[in-house]
N, C-alpha and C. Protein backbone atom coordinates (compact mmCIF):
# COMPACT_ATOMS: atom_id res chain seq x y z
N MET A 1 -21.67 73.66 -31.19
CA MET A 1 -21.41 74.84 -31.72
C MET A 1 -21.47 74.40 -33.48
N ASP A 2 -21.82 75.30 -34.14
CA ASP A 2 -21.99 75.14 -35.59
C ASP A 2 -20.71 75.33 -36.32
N LEU A 3 -20.36 74.23 -37.00
CA LEU A 3 -18.97 74.12 -37.55
C LEU A 3 -18.75 75.40 -38.69
N ASN A 4 -19.92 76.06 -39.35
CA ASN A 4 -19.93 76.99 -40.18
C ASN A 4 -19.34 78.24 -39.28
N SER A 5 -19.51 78.51 -38.07
CA SER A 5 -19.26 79.78 -37.40
C SER A 5 -17.92 79.77 -37.17
N GLN A 6 -17.01 78.57 -37.21
CA GLN A 6 -15.76 78.48 -36.83
C GLN A 6 -14.98 78.51 -38.17
N ILE A 7 -14.75 79.79 -38.70
CA ILE A 7 -13.82 79.92 -39.82
C ILE A 7 -12.52 79.95 -39.47
N VAL A 8 -11.52 79.05 -40.09
CA VAL A 8 -10.02 79.08 -39.63
C VAL A 8 -9.42 79.63 -41.04
N PRO A 9 -8.78 80.57 -41.10
CA PRO A 9 -8.09 80.79 -42.39
C PRO A 9 -7.03 80.00 -42.58
N LEU A 10 -6.51 79.54 -43.84
CA LEU A 10 -5.59 78.74 -44.12
C LEU A 10 -4.44 79.46 -44.56
N PHE A 11 -3.33 79.02 -44.60
CA PHE A 11 -1.98 79.79 -44.78
C PHE A 11 -1.26 78.96 -45.60
N PHE A 12 -0.37 79.37 -46.60
CA PHE A 12 0.69 78.63 -47.22
C PHE A 12 1.83 79.51 -47.27
N ARG A 13 3.01 78.69 -46.85
CA ARG A 13 4.22 78.94 -46.70
C ARG A 13 4.90 79.10 -48.14
N GLU A 14 5.94 79.74 -48.16
CA GLU A 14 6.59 79.97 -49.50
C GLU A 14 6.59 78.71 -50.37
N LYS A 15 6.95 77.40 -49.78
CA LYS A 15 7.20 76.22 -50.49
C LYS A 15 5.87 75.64 -51.15
N GLY A 16 4.74 75.85 -50.34
CA GLY A 16 3.31 75.59 -50.55
C GLY A 16 3.01 76.36 -51.83
N VAL A 17 3.27 77.73 -51.73
CA VAL A 17 2.90 78.60 -53.05
C VAL A 17 3.37 78.14 -53.88
N LEU A 18 4.73 77.62 -54.13
CA LEU A 18 5.55 77.31 -55.16
C LEU A 18 4.99 75.97 -55.75
N GLU A 19 4.80 75.11 -54.80
CA GLU A 19 4.07 73.88 -55.20
C GLU A 19 2.68 73.97 -55.81
N ARG A 20 1.81 74.79 -55.25
CA ARG A 20 0.50 74.68 -55.65
C ARG A 20 -0.11 75.82 -56.45
N TYR A 21 0.54 77.04 -56.25
CA TYR A 21 -0.04 78.14 -57.09
C TYR A 21 0.84 78.76 -58.23
N LEU A 22 2.14 78.81 -58.04
CA LEU A 22 3.24 79.59 -58.96
C LEU A 22 4.39 78.85 -58.96
N PRO A 23 4.20 77.60 -59.72
CA PRO A 23 5.41 76.80 -59.79
C PRO A 23 6.80 77.56 -60.60
N GLY A 24 7.83 77.41 -59.96
CA GLY A 24 8.94 78.23 -60.40
C GLY A 24 9.99 78.47 -59.27
N SER A 25 10.72 79.36 -59.55
CA SER A 25 11.88 79.72 -58.62
C SER A 25 11.47 80.60 -57.36
N ARG A 26 12.17 80.84 -56.32
CA ARG A 26 11.60 81.76 -55.22
C ARG A 26 11.97 83.02 -55.63
N SER A 27 13.03 83.20 -56.51
CA SER A 27 13.18 84.64 -57.10
C SER A 27 12.17 85.20 -57.85
N THR A 28 11.32 84.32 -58.79
CA THR A 28 10.25 84.63 -59.51
C THR A 28 9.09 84.95 -58.53
N LEU A 29 9.06 84.15 -57.69
CA LEU A 29 7.78 84.54 -56.82
C LEU A 29 8.05 85.90 -56.14
N TRP A 30 9.03 86.20 -55.60
CA TRP A 30 9.26 87.52 -54.85
C TRP A 30 9.31 88.60 -55.89
N ARG A 31 9.66 88.44 -57.13
CA ARG A 31 9.66 89.52 -58.12
C ARG A 31 8.19 89.78 -58.24
N LYS A 32 7.31 88.83 -58.59
CA LYS A 32 6.03 89.05 -58.78
C LYS A 32 5.31 89.64 -57.66
N VAL A 33 5.56 89.19 -56.31
CA VAL A 33 5.07 90.05 -55.34
C VAL A 33 5.45 91.48 -55.28
N LYS A 34 6.70 91.53 -55.59
CA LYS A 34 7.35 93.06 -55.57
C LYS A 34 6.47 93.94 -56.69
N SER A 35 6.16 93.35 -57.85
CA SER A 35 5.78 94.17 -58.87
C SER A 35 4.36 94.35 -58.64
N GLY A 36 3.79 93.58 -57.71
CA GLY A 36 2.15 93.48 -57.72
C GLY A 36 1.54 92.66 -58.46
N MET A 37 2.09 91.82 -59.07
CA MET A 37 1.42 90.64 -59.99
C MET A 37 1.11 89.36 -59.20
N PHE A 38 1.49 89.38 -57.94
CA PHE A 38 0.99 88.30 -57.11
C PHE A 38 0.79 88.71 -55.72
N PRO A 39 -0.13 88.28 -55.08
CA PRO A 39 -0.61 88.70 -53.51
C PRO A 39 0.73 88.88 -52.76
N ALA A 40 0.71 89.73 -51.89
CA ALA A 40 1.61 90.06 -50.96
C ALA A 40 1.48 89.04 -49.69
N PRO A 41 2.47 88.21 -49.30
CA PRO A 41 2.30 87.82 -47.84
C PRO A 41 1.82 88.63 -46.58
N ILE A 42 1.82 87.82 -45.86
CA ILE A 42 1.57 88.69 -44.38
C ILE A 42 2.65 88.00 -43.41
N LYS A 43 2.92 88.79 -42.46
CA LYS A 43 4.04 88.48 -41.34
C LYS A 43 3.26 87.85 -40.26
N ILE A 44 3.51 86.58 -40.01
CA ILE A 44 2.74 85.76 -38.74
C ILE A 44 3.49 86.12 -37.51
N SER A 45 4.82 86.01 -37.77
CA SER A 45 5.72 86.27 -36.56
C SER A 45 7.02 86.68 -36.92
N GLY A 46 7.87 86.74 -36.01
CA GLY A 46 9.29 87.38 -36.46
C GLY A 46 10.01 86.77 -37.73
N GLY A 47 9.91 85.58 -38.02
CA GLY A 47 10.60 84.88 -39.15
C GLY A 47 9.72 84.12 -39.94
N ILE A 48 8.43 84.30 -39.67
CA ILE A 48 7.29 83.42 -40.41
C ILE A 48 6.51 84.28 -41.39
N THR A 49 6.76 84.14 -42.60
CA THR A 49 5.79 84.96 -43.63
C THR A 49 4.87 83.75 -44.20
N ALA A 50 3.65 84.21 -44.47
CA ALA A 50 2.71 83.17 -45.13
C ALA A 50 1.66 83.98 -46.13
N TRP A 51 1.06 83.32 -46.85
CA TRP A 51 -0.06 83.78 -47.77
C TRP A 51 -1.14 83.30 -47.32
N LEU A 52 -2.29 84.13 -47.25
CA LEU A 52 -3.78 83.64 -46.93
C LEU A 52 -4.22 82.77 -48.10
N LYS A 53 -4.62 81.67 -47.96
CA LYS A 53 -5.39 80.96 -48.91
C LYS A 53 -6.33 81.63 -49.83
N THR A 54 -7.21 82.36 -49.14
CA THR A 54 -8.31 83.00 -49.75
C THR A 54 -7.67 83.98 -50.75
N ASP A 55 -6.50 84.93 -50.57
CA ASP A 55 -5.89 85.80 -51.43
C ASP A 55 -5.45 84.88 -52.71
N LEU A 56 -4.63 83.87 -52.22
CA LEU A 56 -4.05 83.02 -53.39
C LEU A 56 -5.22 82.39 -54.42
N ASP A 57 -6.21 81.84 -53.86
CA ASP A 57 -7.53 81.34 -54.62
C ASP A 57 -8.00 82.53 -55.43
N LEU A 58 -8.07 83.59 -54.84
CA LEU A 58 -8.67 84.86 -55.65
C LEU A 58 -7.56 85.18 -56.89
N TRP A 59 -6.38 85.16 -56.60
CA TRP A 59 -5.54 85.24 -57.46
C TRP A 59 -5.56 84.55 -58.64
N ALA A 60 -5.68 83.13 -58.29
CA ALA A 60 -5.83 82.04 -59.23
C ALA A 60 -6.96 82.09 -60.13
N ASN A 61 -7.97 82.45 -59.49
CA ASN A 61 -9.35 82.66 -60.25
C ASN A 61 -9.13 83.77 -61.25
N GLN A 62 -8.49 84.87 -60.92
CA GLN A 62 -8.46 86.02 -61.84
C GLN A 62 -7.46 85.60 -62.90
N PHE A 63 -6.55 84.89 -62.39
CA PHE A 63 -5.60 84.38 -63.77
C PHE A 63 -6.29 83.46 -64.59
N LYS A 64 -7.06 82.48 -64.19
CA LYS A 64 -7.86 81.44 -65.08
C LYS A 64 -8.85 82.40 -66.09
N GLY A 65 -9.36 83.35 -65.36
CA GLY A 65 -10.16 84.14 -66.12
C GLY A 65 -9.70 85.18 -67.33
N GLY A 66 -8.39 85.12 -67.10
CA GLY A 66 -7.75 85.86 -68.20
C GLY A 66 -7.47 87.25 -67.96
N GLN A 67 -7.68 87.66 -66.59
CA GLN A 67 -7.48 89.00 -66.12
C GLN A 67 -5.77 88.98 -66.05
N ASP A 68 -5.48 90.34 -65.76
CA ASP A 68 -3.87 90.64 -65.77
C ASP A 68 -3.36 90.50 -64.18
N GLY A 69 -3.67 89.09 -63.70
CA GLY A 69 -3.19 89.11 -62.32
C GLY A 69 -2.01 88.15 -62.06
N ARG A 70 -1.59 87.63 -63.46
CA ARG A 70 -0.22 87.08 -63.33
C ARG A 70 0.99 87.58 -62.86
């Protein structure tokens, strides 16, 4: 089977988002999510929330490009 046909989405939990994409506090992260300035997470299951890596990378690219995605 071709490896390119097996696309597996990557997810980041809150700690990983704060370490890699948005250094700061948890409250800052959730404030930015609530205001629409940061991608919203998805609910994986009852107590598990995570962000899609593709959403985070898109946000990071917009941020680097100077667009108002901060």
